[in-house]
Amino acid sequence: MSTTQDIGHGRVYNIPALDDIGSNYNDWKYRISTILKLRGLFGIVKGTEKYPPEVATDPKDQVTVTATYDRWQTRNHQALAEITLTLKKESLRNVKRYQLASEIWDYLEDHYCHEL
């Protein structure tokens, strides 16, 4: 049974964690994908929303570039949290080296992918 509770401005969804052997990977992927899409983070996870530059080519554009970069980083961290908070010990240990949600997603896909 899935439950929800209000936390700040968002909702935290209590979905079953991805077990360490990946036997529930397909169900986990469906649920977490739905949550990431609902939160507008799936583009970051799938890598279609690309990592923006940190430095502007024209110095007068730096404020805009920095703001865009900061927004993207915040959204990446949100996606990281959504994913990593649903991993059990071994799975989490295996992804701690990654900084991007898309890297974690790709690792899990490569490691646990079963027929959908």
PDB file of N, CA and C in Angstrom:
ATOM      1  N   MET A   1       0.837  -1.169   0.000  1.00  0.00           N
ATOM      2  CA  MET A   1       0.000   0.000   0.000  1.00  0.00           C
ATOM      3  C   MET A   1       0.888   1.240   0.000  1.00  0.00           C
ATOM      4  N   SER A   2       0.615   2.175  -0.882  1.00  0.00           N
ATOM      5  CA  SER A   2       1.359   3.426  -0.932  1.00  0.00           C
ATOM      6  C   SER A   2       0.625   4.485  -0.130  1.00  0.00           C
ATOM      7  N   THR A   3       1.393   5.269   0.584  1.00  0.00           N
ATOM      8  CA  THR A   3       0.806   6.356   1.341  1.00  0.00           C
ATOM      9  C   THR A   3       1.527   7.638   0.974  1.00  0.00           C
ATOM     10  N   THR A   4       0.885   8.756   1.283  1.00  0.00           N
ATOM     11  CA  THR A   4       1.537  10.039   1.059  1.00  0.00           C
ATOM     12  C   THR A   4       1.430  10.848   2.331  1.00  0.00           C
ATOM     13  N   GLN A   5       2.348  11.772   2.489  1.00  0.00           N
ATOM     14  CA  GLN A   5       2.264  12.730   3.578  1.00  0.00           C
ATOM     15  C   GLN A   5       2.800  14.048   3.070  1.00  0.00           C
ATOM     16  N   ASP A   6       2.236  15.133   3.570  1.00  0.00           N
ATOM     17  CA  ASP A   6       2.689  16.457   3.158  1.00  0.00           C
ATOM     18  C   ASP A   6       3.991  16.792   3.855  1.00  0.00           C
ATOM     19  N   ILE A   7       4.951  17.284   3.085  1.00  0.00           N
ATOM     20  CA  ILE A   7       6.218  17.772   3.612  1.00  0.00           C
ATOM     21  C   ILE A   7       6.483  19.099   2.903  1.00  0.00           C
ATOM     22  N   GLY A   8       6.454  20.190   3.626  1.00  0.00           N
ATOM     23  CA  GLY A   8       6.702  21.493   3.016  1.00  0.00           C
ATOM     24  C   GLY A   8       5.739  21.748   1.880  1.00  0.00           C
ATOM     25  N   HIS A   9       6.284  22.128   0.718  1.00  0.00           N
ATOM     26  CA  HIS A   9       5.459  22.433  -0.451  1.00  0.00           C
ATOM     27  C   HIS A   9       5.208  21.216  -1.324  1.00  0.00           C
ATOM     28  N   GLY A  10       5.905  20.134  -1.067  1.00  0.00           N
ATOM     29  CA  GLY A  10       5.772  18.960  -1.921  1.00  0.00           C
ATOM     30  C   GLY A  10       5.128  17.809  -1.192  1.00  0.00           C
ATOM     31  N   ARG A  11       5.087  16.693  -1.849  1.00  0.00           N
ATOM     32  CA  ARG A  11       4.554  15.476  -1.254  1.00  0.00           C
ATOM     33  C   ARG A  11       5.654  14.426  -1.307  1.00  0.00           C
ATOM     34  N   VAL A  12       5.731  13.665  -0.256  1.00  0.00           N
ATOM     35  CA  VAL A  12       6.670  12.558  -0.212  1.00  0.00           C
ATOM     36  C   VAL A  12       5.842  11.294  -0.405  1.00  0.00           C
ATOM     37  N   TYR A  13       6.205  10.500  -1.379  1.00  0.00           N
ATOM     38  CA  TYR A  13       5.488   9.276  -1.666  1.00  0.00           C
ATOM     39  C   TYR A  13       6.269   8.114  -1.098  1.00  0.00           C
ATOM     40  N   ASN A  14       5.594   7.287  -0.367  1.00  0.00           N
ATOM     41  CA  ASN A  14       6.219   6.140   0.268  1.00  0.00           C
ATOM     42  C   ASN A  14       6.057   4.939  -0.664  1.00  0.00           C
ATOM     43  N   ILE A  15       7.066   4.737  -1.504  1.00  0.00           N
ATOM     44  CA  ILE A  15       7.003   3.594  -2.411  1.00  0.00           C
ATOM     45  C   ILE A  15       7.978   2.540  -1.910  1.00  0.00           C
ATOM     46  N   PRO A  16       7.720   1.274  -2.218  1.00  0.00           N
ATOM     47  CA  PRO A  16       8.651   0.226  -1.799  1.00  0.00           C
ATOM     48  C   PRO A  16      10.048   0.487  -2.368  1.00  0.00           C
ATOM     49  N   ALA A  17      11.054   0.290  -1.536  1.00  0.00           N
ATOM     50  CA  ALA A  17      12.437   0.505  -1.954  1.00  0.00           C
ATOM     51  C   ALA A  17      12.860  -0.534  -2.976  1.00  0.00           C
ATOM     52  N   LEU A  18      13.774  -0.138  -3.840  1.00  0.00           N
ATOM     53  CA  LEU A  18      14.386  -1.073  -4.774  1.00  0.00           C
ATOM     54  C   LEU A  18      15.246  -2.022  -3.963  1.00  0.00           C
ATOM     55  N   ASP A  19      14.924  -3.309  -4.020  1.00  0.00           N
ATOM     56  CA  ASP A  19      15.709  -4.245  -3.223  1.00  0.00           C
ATOM     57  C   ASP A  19      17.081  -4.463  -3.856  1.00  0.00           C
ATOM     58  N   ASP A  20      17.991  -4.950  -3.061  1.00  0.00           N
ATOM     59  CA  ASP A  20      19.387  -5.039  -3.487  1.00  0.00           C
ATOM     60  C   ASP A  20      19.628  -5.998  -4.651  1.00  0.00           C
ATOM     61  N   ILE A  21      18.760  -6.964  -4.840  1.00  0.00           N
ATOM     62  CA  ILE A  21      18.951  -7.870  -5.984  1.00  0.00           C
ATOM     63  C   ILE A  21      18.134  -7.439  -7.198  1.00  0.00           C
ATOM     64  N   GLY A  22      17.329  -6.415  -7.037  1.00  0.00           N
ATOM     65  CA  GLY A  22      16.585  -5.860  -8.163  1.00  0.00           C
ATOM     66  C   GLY A  22      15.368  -6.646  -8.582  1.00  0.00           C
ATOM     67  N   SER A  23      14.874  -7.533  -7.714  1.00  0.00           N
ATOM     68  CA  SER A  23      13.725  -8.349  -8.104  1.00  0.00           C
ATOM     69  C   SER A  23      12.459  -7.522  -8.314  1.00  0.00           C
ATOM     70  N   ASN A  24      12.408  -6.329  -7.740  1.00  0.00           N
ATOM     71  CA  ASN A  24      11.245  -5.450  -7.915  1.00  0.00           C
ATOM     72  C   ASN A  24      11.580  -4.235  -8.795  1.00  0.00           C
ATOM     73  N   TYR A  25      12.626  -4.350  -9.599  1.00  0.00           N
ATOM     74  CA  TYR A  25      13.088  -3.212 -10.391  1.00  0.00           C
ATOM     75  C   TYR A  25      12.007  -2.645 -11.308  1.00  0.00           C
ATOM     76  N   ASN A  26      11.314  -3.489 -12.026  1.00  0.00           N
ATOM     77  CA  ASN A  26      10.311  -2.993 -12.983  1.00  0.00           C
ATOM     78  C   ASN A  26       9.202  -2.209 -12.292  1.00  0.00           C
ATOM     79  N   ASP A  27       8.710  -2.711 -11.165  1.00  0.00           N
ATOM     80  CA  ASP A  27       7.681  -1.989 -10.407  1.00  0.00           C
ATOM     81  C   ASP A  27       8.253  -0.699  -9.831  1.00  0.00           C
ATOM     82  N   TRP A  28       9.466  -0.776  -9.264  1.00  0.00           N
ATOM     83  CA  TRP A  28      10.119   0.414  -8.709  1.00  0.00           C
ATOM     84  C   TRP A  28      10.300   1.477  -9.785  1.00  0.00           C
ATOM     85  N   LYS A  29      10.798   1.063 -10.951  1.00  0.00           N
ATOM     86  CA  LYS A  29      11.045   2.011 -12.040  1.00  0.00           C
ATOM     87  C   LYS A  29       9.750   2.691 -12.476  1.00  0.00           C
ATOM     88  N   TYR A  30       8.684   1.956 -12.589  1.00  0.00           N
ATOM     89  CA  TYR A  30       7.410   2.535 -12.982  1.00  0.00           C
ATOM     90  C   TYR A  30       6.959   3.582 -11.962  1.00  0.00           C
ATOM     91  N   ARG A  31       7.027   3.224 -10.685  1.00  0.00           N
ATOM     92  CA  ARG A  31       6.581   4.143  -9.632  1.00  0.00           C
ATOM     93  C   ARG A  31       7.461   5.390  -9.555  1.00  0.00           C
ATOM     94  N   ILE A  32       8.767   5.216  -9.530  1.00  0.00           N
ATOM     95  CA  ILE A  32       9.659   6.368  -9.386  1.00  0.00           C
ATOM     96  C   ILE A  32       9.616   7.240 -10.635  1.00  0.00           C
ATOM     97  N   SER A  33       9.456   6.635 -11.810  1.00  0.00           N
ATOM     98  CA  SER A  33       9.316   7.422 -13.045  1.00  0.00           C
ATOM     99  C   SER A  33       8.078   8.301 -12.986  1.00  0.00           C
ATOM    100  N   THR A  34       6.990   7.751 -12.477  1.00  0.00           N
ATOM    101  CA  THR A  34       5.748   8.503 -12.356  1.00  0.00           C
ATOM    102  C   THR A  34       5.930   9.705 -11.428  1.00  0.00           C
ATOM    103  N   ILE A  35       6.600   9.484 -10.319  1.00  0.00           N
ATOM    104  CA  ILE A  35       6.847  10.576  -9.367  1.00  0.00           C
ATOM    105  C   ILE A  35       7.761  11.631  -9.986  1.00  0.00           C
ATOM    106  N   LEU A  36       8.827  11.195 -10.653  1.00  0.00           N
ATOM    107  CA  LEU A  36       9.757  12.141 -11.285  1.00  0.00           C
ATOM    108  C   LEU A  36       9.059  12.953 -12.376  1.00  0.00           C
ATOM    109  N   LYS A  37       8.182  12.332 -13.134  1.00  0.00           N
ATOM    110  CA  LYS A  37       7.425  13.056 -14.160  1.00  0.00           C
ATOM    111  C   LYS A  37       6.479  14.059 -13.513  1.00  0.00           C
ATOM    112  N   LEU A  38       5.789  13.644 -12.465  1.00  0.00           N
ATOM    113  CA  LEU A  38       4.877  14.520 -11.745  1.00  0.00           C
ATOM    114  C   LEU A  38       5.597  15.756 -11.224  1.00  0.00           C
ATOM    115  N   ARG A  39       6.813  15.596 -10.764  1.00  0.00           N
ATOM    116  CA  ARG A  39       7.600  16.697 -10.211  1.00  0.00           C
ATOM    117  C   ARG A  39       8.381  17.470 -11.279  1.00  0.00           C
ATOM    118  N   GLY A  40       8.285  17.055 -12.543  1.00  0.00           N
ATOM    119  CA  GLY A  40       8.974  17.750 -13.623  1.00  0.00           C
ATOM    120  C   GLY A  40      10.472  17.521 -13.624  1.00  0.00           C
ATOM    121  N   LEU A  41      10.911  16.378 -13.106  1.00  0.00           N
ATOM    122  CA  LEU A  41      12.336  16.080 -12.988  1.00  0.00           C
ATOM    123  C   LEU A  41      12.810  14.982 -13.933  1.00  0.00           C
ATOM    124  N   PHE A  42      11.912  14.403 -14.695  1.00  0.00           N
ATOM    125  CA  PHE A  42      12.277  13.249 -15.513  1.00  0.00           C
ATOM    126  C   PHE A  42      13.273  13.603 -16.614  1.00  0.00           C
ATOM    127  N   GLY A  43      13.216  14.819 -17.134  1.00  0.00           N
ATOM    128  CA  GLY A  43      14.176  15.243 -18.151  1.00  0.00           C
ATOM    129  C   GLY A  43      15.602  15.264 -17.620  1.00  0.00           C
ATOM    130  N   ILE A  44      15.758  15.632 -16.377  1.00  0.00           N
ATOM    131  CA  ILE A  44      17.093  15.620 -15.758  1.00  0.00           C
ATOM    132  C   ILE A  44      17.569  14.184 -15.600  1.00  0.00           C
ATOM    133  N   VAL A  45      16.681  13.320 -15.135  1.00  0.00           N
ATOM    134  CA  VAL A  45      17.028  11.921 -14.903  1.00  0.00           C
ATOM    135  C   VAL A  45      17.372  11.206 -16.211  1.00  0.00           C
ATOM    136  N   LYS A  46      16.615  11.467 -17.253  1.00  0.00           N
ATOM    137  CA  LYS A  46      16.859  10.807 -18.544  1.00  0.00           C
ATOM    138  C   LYS A  46      17.978  11.475 -19.337  1.00  0.00           C
ATOM    139  N   GLY A  47      18.445  12.632 -18.888  1.00  0.00           N
ATOM    140  CA  GLY A  47      19.543  13.318 -19.567  1.00  0.00           C
ATOM    141  C   GLY A  47      19.107  14.183 -20.737  1.00  0.00           C
ATOM    142  N   THR A  48      17.806  14.358 -20.927  1.00  0.00           N
ATOM    143  CA  THR A  48      17.335  15.213 -22.021  1.00  0.00           C
ATOM    144  C   THR A  48      17.385  16.683 -21.634  1.00  0.00           C
ATOM    145  N   GLU A  49      17.361  16.950 -20.345  1.00  0.00           N
ATOM    146  CA  GLU A  49      17.543  18.313 -19.849  1.00  0.00           C
ATOM    147  C   GLU A  49      19.011  18.422 -19.440  1.00  0.00           C
ATOM    148  N   LYS A  50      19.805  18.936 -20.332  1.00  0.00           N
ATOM    149  CA  LYS A  50      21.265  18.897 -20.210  1.00  0.00           C
ATOM    150  C   LYS A  50      21.819  19.808 -19.126  1.00  0.00           C
ATOM    151  N   TYR A  51      22.950  19.390 -18.620  1.00  0.00           N
ATOM    152  CA  TYR A  51      23.725  20.145 -17.637  1.00  0.00           C
ATOM    153  C   TYR A  51      24.125  21.477 -18.256  1.00  0.00           C
ATOM    154  N   PRO A  52      23.690  22.602 -17.674  1.00  0.00           N
ATOM    155  CA  PRO A  52      23.981  23.906 -18.282  1.00  0.00           C
ATOM    156  C   PRO A  52      25.404  24.379 -17.966  1.00  0.00           C
ATOM    157  N   PRO A  53      25.916  25.311 -18.737  1.00  0.00           N
ATOM    158  CA  PRO A  53      27.255  25.847 -18.453  1.00  0.00           C
ATOM    159  C   PRO A  53      27.236  26.675 -17.167  1.00  0.00           C
ATOM    160  N   GLU A  54      28.379  26.714 -16.491  1.00  0.00           N
ATOM    161  CA  GLU A  54      28.505  27.522 -15.276  1.00  0.00           C
ATOM    162  C   GLU A  54      28.940  28.951 -15.585  1.00  0.00           C
ATOM    163  N   VAL A  55      29.631  29.134 -16.699  1.00  0.00           N
ATOM    164  CA  VAL A  55      30.212  30.439 -17.033  1.00  0.00           C
ATOM    165  C   VAL A  55      29.667  30.895 -18.385  1.00  0.00           C
ATOM    166  N   ALA A  56      29.277  32.155 -18.445  1.00  0.00           N
ATOM    167  CA  ALA A  56      28.756  32.741 -19.681  1.00  0.00           C
ATOM    168  C   ALA A  56      29.905  33.101 -20.615  1.00  0.00           C
ATOM    169  N   THR A  57      29.668  32.998 -21.896  1.00  0.00           N
ATOM    170  CA  THR A  57      30.675  33.431 -22.866  1.00  0.00           C
ATOM    171  C   THR A  57      30.755  34.960 -22.894  1.00  0.00           C
ATOM    172  N   ASP A  58      29.640  35.620 -22.614  1.00  0.00           N
ATOM    173  CA  ASP A  58      29.599  37.087 -22.529  1.00  0.00           C
ATOM    174  C   ASP A  58      29.388  37.457 -21.063  1.00  0.00           C
ATOM    175  N   PRO A  59      30.327  38.180 -20.440  1.00  0.00           N
ATOM    176  CA  PRO A  59      30.223  38.509 -19.012  1.00  0.00           C
ATOM    177  C   PRO A  59      28.908  39.171 -18.593  1.00  0.00           C
ATOM    178  N   LYS A  60      28.280  39.909 -19.483  1.00  0.00           N
ATOM    179  CA  LYS A  60      27.015  40.561 -19.104  1.00  0.00           C
ATOM    180  C   LYS A  60      25.869  39.553 -18.963  1.00  0.00           C
ATOM    181  N   ASP A  61      26.063  38.329 -19.462  1.00  0.00           N
ATOM    182  CA  ASP A  61      25.052  37.275 -19.336  1.00  0.00           C
ATOM    183  C   ASP A  61      25.288  36.381 -18.114  1.00  0.00           C
ATOM    184  N   GLN A  62      26.315  36.666 -17.336  1.00  0.00           N
ATOM    185  CA  GLN A  62      26.701  35.771 -16.247  1.00  0.00           C
ATOM    186  C   GLN A  62      25.608  35.571 -15.201  1.00  0.00           C
ATOM    187  N   VAL A  63      24.866  36.612 -14.863  1.00  0.00           N
ATOM    188  CA  VAL A  63      23.814  36.486 -13.850  1.00  0.00           C
ATOM    189  C   VAL A  63      22.757  35.477 -14.308  1.00  0.00           C
ATOM    190  N   THR A  64      22.345  35.582 -15.556  1.00  0.00           N
ATOM    191  CA  THR A  64      21.352  34.650 -16.102  1.00  0.00           C
ATOM    192  C   THR A  64      21.897  33.239 -16.160  1.00  0.00           C
ATOM    193  N   VAL A  65      23.136  33.088 -16.614  1.00  0.00           N
ATOM    194  CA  VAL A  65      23.754  31.765 -16.711  1.00  0.00           C
ATOM    195  C   VAL A  65      23.886  31.143 -15.324  1.00  0.00           C
ATOM    196  N   THR A  66      24.303  31.932 -14.350  1.00  0.00           N
ATOM    197  CA  THR A  66      24.444  31.427 -12.987  1.00  0.00           C
ATOM    198  C   THR A  66      23.097  30.997 -12.412  1.00  0.00           C
ATOM    199  N   ALA A  67      22.068  31.782 -12.640  1.00  0.00           N
ATOM    200  CA  ALA A  67      20.727  31.440 -12.146  1.00  0.00           C
ATOM    201  C   ALA A  67      20.228  30.147 -12.785  1.00  0.00           C
ATOM    202  N   THR A  68      20.444  29.993 -14.079  1.00  0.00           N
ATOM    203  CA  THR A  68      20.028  28.781 -14.783  1.00  0.00           C
ATOM    204  C   THR A  68      20.781  27.567 -14.242  1.00  0.00           C
ATOM    205  N   TYR A  69      22.076  27.724 -14.055  1.00  0.00           N
ATOM    206  CA  TYR A  69      22.905  26.653 -13.513  1.00  0.00           C
ATOM    207  C   TYR A  69      22.435  26.274 -12.101  1.00  0.00           C
ATOM    208  N   ASP A  70      22.183  27.271 -11.254  1.00  0.00           N
ATOM    209  CA  ASP A  70      21.738  27.006  -9.883  1.00  0.00           C
ATOM    210  C   ASP A  70      20.386  26.295  -9.854  1.00  0.00           C
ATOM    211  N   ARG A  71      19.453  26.716 -10.712  1.00  0.00           N
ATOM    212  CA  ARG A  71      18.143  26.052 -10.798  1.00  0.00           C
ATOM    213  C   ARG A  71      18.303  24.598 -11.224  1.00  0.00           C
ATOM    214  N   TRP A  72      19.162  24.371 -12.221  1.00  0.00           N
ATOM    215  CA  TRP A  72      19.376  23.007 -12.691  1.00  0.00           C
ATOM    216  C   TRP A  72      19.983  22.147 -11.580  1.00  0.00           C
ATOM    217  N   GLN A  73      20.961  22.684 -10.873  1.00  0.00           N
ATOM    218  CA  GLN A  73      21.604  21.941  -9.772  1.00  0.00           C
ATOM    219  C   GLN A  73      20.583  21.585  -8.692  1.00  0.00           C
ATOM    220  N   THR A  74      19.716  22.522  -8.352  1.00  0.00           N
ATOM    221  CA  THR A  74      18.685  22.256  -7.344  1.00  0.00           C
ATOM    222  C   THR A  74      17.772  21.129  -7.809  1.00  0.00           C
ATOM    223  N   ARG A  75      17.364  21.178  -9.056  1.00  0.00           N
ATOM    224  CA  ARG A  75      16.484  20.137  -9.609  1.00  0.00           C
ATOM    225  C   ARG A  75      17.203  18.790  -9.685  1.00  0.00           C
ATOM    226  N   ASN A  76      18.497  18.799 -10.007  1.00  0.00           N
ATOM    227  CA  ASN A  76      19.278  17.567 -10.006  1.00  0.00           C
ATOM    228  C   ASN A  76      19.309  16.967  -8.601  1.00  0.00           C
ATOM    229  N   HIS A  77      19.511  17.809  -7.597  1.00  0.00           N
ATOM    230  CA  HIS A  77      19.533  17.325  -6.213  1.00  0.00           C
ATOM    231  C   HIS A  77      18.161  16.796  -5.784  1.00  0.00           C
ATOM    232  N   GLN A  78      17.107  17.424  -6.257  1.00  0.00           N
ATOM    233  CA  GLN A  78      15.760  16.918  -5.964  1.00  0.00           C
ATOM    234  C   GLN A  78      15.578  15.526  -6.573  1.00  0.00           C
ATOM    235  N   ALA A  79      16.013  15.362  -7.812  1.00  0.00           N
ATOM    236  CA  ALA A  79      15.902  14.063  -8.473  1.00  0.00           C
ATOM    237  C   ALA A  79      16.775  13.020  -7.768  1.00  0.00           C
ATOM    238  N   LEU A  80      17.985  13.413  -7.369  1.00  0.00           N
ATOM    239  CA  LEU A  80      18.854  12.504  -6.611  1.00  0.00           C
ATOM    240  C   LEU A  80      18.152  12.032  -5.342  1.00  0.00           C
ATOM    241  N   ALA A  81      17.526  12.962  -4.632  1.00  0.00           N
ATOM    242  CA  ALA A  81      16.823  12.605  -3.401  1.00  0.00           C
ATOM    243  C   ALA A  81      15.668  11.651  -3.687  1.00  0.00           C
ATOM    244  N   GLU A  82      14.877  11.962  -4.708  1.00  0.00           N
ATOM    245  CA  GLU A  82      13.739  11.095  -5.038  1.00  0.00           C
ATOM    246  C   GLU A  82      14.206   9.663  -5.303  1.00  0.00           C
ATOM    247  N   ILE A  83      15.303   9.523  -6.000  1.00  0.00           N
ATOM    248  CA  ILE A  83      15.807   8.192  -6.345  1.00  0.00           C
ATOM    249  C   ILE A  83      16.479   7.531  -5.150  1.00  0.00           C
ATOM    250  N   THR A  84      17.448   8.205  -4.551  1.00  0.00           N
ATOM    251  CA  THR A  84      18.253   7.555  -3.515  1.00  0.00           C
ATOM    252  C   THR A  84      17.474   7.251  -2.241  1.00  0.00           C
ATOM    253  N   LEU A  85      16.421   8.007  -1.973  1.00  0.00           N
ATOM    254  CA  LEU A  85      15.609   7.707  -0.794  1.00  0.00           C
ATOM    255  C   LEU A  85      14.772   6.446  -0.967  1.00  0.00           C
ATOM    256  N   THR A  86      14.811   5.866  -2.173  1.00  0.00           N
ATOM    257  CA  THR A  86      14.052   4.635  -2.430  1.00  0.00           C
ATOM    258  C   THR A  86      14.970   3.458  -2.731  1.00  0.00           C
ATOM    259  N   LEU A  87      16.222   3.555  -2.314  1.00  0.00           N
ATOM    260  CA  LEU A  87      17.178   2.469  -2.534  1.00  0.00           C
ATOM    261  C   LEU A  87      17.560   1.818  -1.218  1.00  0.00           C
ATOM    262  N   LYS A  88      17.721   0.520  -1.252  1.00  0.00           N
ATOM    263  CA  LYS A  88      18.219  -0.184  -0.076  1.00  0.00           C
ATOM    264  C   LYS A  88      19.739  -0.063  -0.022  1.00  0.00           C
ATOM    265  N   LYS A  89      20.305  -0.604   1.032  1.00  0.00           N
ATOM    266  CA  LYS A  89      21.711  -0.399   1.382  1.00  0.00           C
ATOM    267  C   LYS A  89      22.700  -0.678   0.247  1.00  0.00           C
ATOM    268  N   GLU A  90      22.652  -1.837  -0.356  1.00  0.00           N
ATOM    269  CA  GLU A  90      23.625  -2.207  -1.395  1.00  0.00           C
ATOM    270  C   GLU A  90      23.485  -1.328  -2.636  1.00  0.00           C
ATOM    271  N   SER A  91      22.256  -1.110  -3.064  1.00  0.00           N
ATOM    272  CA  SER A  91      22.021  -0.257  -4.229  1.00  0.00           C
ATOM    273  C   SER A  91      22.525   1.153  -3.970  1.00  0.00           C
ATOM    274  N   LEU A  92      22.246   1.673  -2.795  1.00  0.00           N
ATOM    275  CA  LEU A  92      22.700   3.013  -2.440  1.00  0.00           C
ATOM    276  C   LEU A  92      24.222   3.090  -2.422  1.00  0.00           C
ATOM    277  N   ARG A  93      24.852   2.104  -1.844  1.00  0.00           N
ATOM    278  CA  ARG A  93      26.319   2.087  -1.796  1.00  0.00           C
ATOM    279  C   ARG A  93      26.915   2.125  -3.194  1.00  0.00           C
ATOM    280  N   ASN A  94      26.286   1.471  -4.137  1.00  0.00           N
ATOM    281  CA  ASN A  94      26.798   1.407  -5.506  1.00  0.00           C
ATOM    282  C   ASN A  94      26.658   2.712  -6.283  1.00  0.00           C
ATOM    283  N   VAL A  95      25.774   3.597  -5.871  1.00  0.00           N
ATOM    284  CA  VAL A  95      25.558   4.834  -6.634  1.00  0.00           C
ATOM    285  C   VAL A  95      26.116   6.080  -5.964  1.00  0.00           C
ATOM    286  N   LYS A  96      26.690   5.956  -4.796  1.00  0.00           N
ATOM    287  CA  LYS A  96      27.183   7.132  -4.064  1.00  0.00           C
ATOM    288  C   LYS A  96      28.270   7.891  -4.806  1.00  0.00           C
ATOM    289  N   ARG A  97      28.939   7.263  -5.719  1.00  0.00           N
ATOM    290  CA  ARG A  97      30.024   7.937  -6.456  1.00  0.00           C
ATOM    291  C   ARG A  97      29.505   8.901  -7.518  1.00  0.00           C
ATOM    292  N   TYR A  98      28.234   8.831  -7.856  1.00  0.00           N
ATOM    293  CA  TYR A  98      27.675   9.651  -8.916  1.00  0.00           C
ATOM    294  C   TYR A  98      27.145  10.975  -8.379  1.00  0.00           C
ATOM    295  N   GLN A  99      27.308  12.037  -9.176  1.00  0.00           N
ATOM    296  CA  GLN A  99      26.834  13.371  -8.810  1.00  0.00           C
ATOM    297  C   GLN A  99      25.553  13.762  -9.546  1.00  0.00           C
ATOM    298  N   LEU A 100      25.276  13.103 -10.647  1.00  0.00           N
ATOM    299  CA  LEU A 100      24.125  13.452 -11.475  1.00  0.00           C
ATOM    300  C   LEU A 100      23.047  12.382 -11.368  1.00  0.00           C
ATOM    301  N   ALA A 101      21.805  12.822 -11.289  1.00  0.00           N
ATOM    302  CA  ALA A 101      20.685  11.885 -11.239  1.00  0.00           C
ATOM    303  C   ALA A 101      20.671  10.993 -12.476  1.00  0.00           C
ATOM    304  N   SER A 102      21.051  11.535 -13.615  1.00  0.00           N
ATOM    305  CA  SER A 102      21.072  10.730 -14.845  1.00  0.00           C
ATOM    306  C   SER A 102      22.105   9.620 -14.773  1.00  0.00           C
ATOM    307  N   GLU A 103      23.214   9.859 -14.093  1.00  0.00           N
ATOM    308  CA  GLU A 103      24.238   8.813 -13.933  1.00  0.00           C
ATOM    309  C   GLU A 103      23.708   7.676 -13.059  1.00  0.00           C
ATOM    310  N   ILE A 104      22.998   8.033 -12.001  1.00  0.00           N
ATOM    311  CA  ILE A 104      22.418   7.012 -11.126  1.00  0.00           C
ATOM    312  C   ILE A 104      21.356   6.217 -11.877  1.00  0.00           C
ATOM    313  N   TRP A 105      20.509   6.931 -12.599  1.00  0.00           N
ATOM    314  CA  TRP A 105      19.450   6.273 -13.374  1.00  0.00           C
ATOM    315  C   TRP A 105      20.060   5.275 -14.368  1.00  0.00           C
ATOM    316  N   ASP A 106      21.075   5.715 -15.090  1.00  0.00           N
ATOM    317  CA  ASP A 106      21.724   4.849 -16.075  1.00  0.00           C
ATOM    318  C   ASP A 106      22.371   3.638 -15.412  1.00  0.00           C
ATOM    319  N   TYR A 107      23.021   3.852 -14.271  1.00  0.00           N
ATOM    320  CA  TYR A 107      23.637   2.739 -13.553  1.00  0.00           C
ATOM    321  C   TYR A 107      22.584   1.714 -13.151  1.00  0.00           C
ATOM    322  N   LEU A 108      21.497   2.189 -12.535  1.00  0.00           N
ATOM    323  CA  LEU A 108      20.445   1.274 -12.090  1.00  0.00           C
ATOM    324  C   LEU A 108      19.821   0.533 -13.267  1.00  0.00           C
ATOM    325  N   GLU A 109      19.621   1.253 -14.355  1.00  0.00           N
ATOM    326  CA  GLU A 109      19.064   0.632 -15.566  1.00  0.00           C
ATOM    327  C   GLU A 109      19.993  -0.484 -16.069  1.00  0.00           C
ATOM    328  N   ASP A 110      21.270  -0.198 -16.147  1.00  0.00           N
ATOM    329  CA  ASP A 110      22.245  -1.193 -16.615  1.00  0.00           C
ATOM    330  C   ASP A 110      22.360  -2.375 -15.655  1.00  0.00           C
ATOM    331  N   HIS A 111      22.294  -2.080 -14.371  1.00  0.00           N
ATOM    332  CA  HIS A 111      22.521  -3.104 -13.362  1.00  0.00           C
ATOM    333  C   HIS A 111      21.304  -4.000 -13.106  1.00  0.00           C
ATOM    334  N   TYR A 112      20.105  -3.416 -13.138  1.00  0.00           N
ATOM    335  CA  TYR A 112      18.899  -4.148 -12.715  1.00  0.00           C
ATOM    336  C   TYR A 112      17.871  -4.371 -13.806  1.00  0.00           C
ATOM    337  N   CYS A 113      18.085  -3.839 -14.987  1.00  0.00           N
ATOM    338  CA  CYS A 113      17.043  -3.886 -16.010  1.00  0.00           C
ATOM    339  C   CYS A 113      16.597  -5.320 -16.298  1.00  0.00           C
ATOM    340  N   HIS A 114      15.301  -5.486 -16.163  1.00  0.00           N
ATOM    341  CA  HIS A 114      14.645  -6.744 -16.513  1.00  0.00           C
ATOM    342  C   HIS A 114      13.543  -6.398 -17.505  1.00  0.00           C
ATOM    343  N   GLU A 115      13.005  -7.376 -18.127  1.00  0.00           N
ATOM    344  CA  GLU A 115      11.948  -7.124 -19.110  1.00  0.00           C
ATOM    345  C   GLU A 115      10.823  -6.305 -18.515  1.00  0.00           C
ATOM    346  N   LEU A 116      10.457  -5.245 -19.217  1.00  0.00           N
ATOM    347  CA  LEU A 116       9.294  -4.438 -18.785  1.00  0.00           C
ATOM    348  C   LEU A 116       8.053  -4.872 -19.496  1.00  0.00           C
TER     349      LEU A 116
END
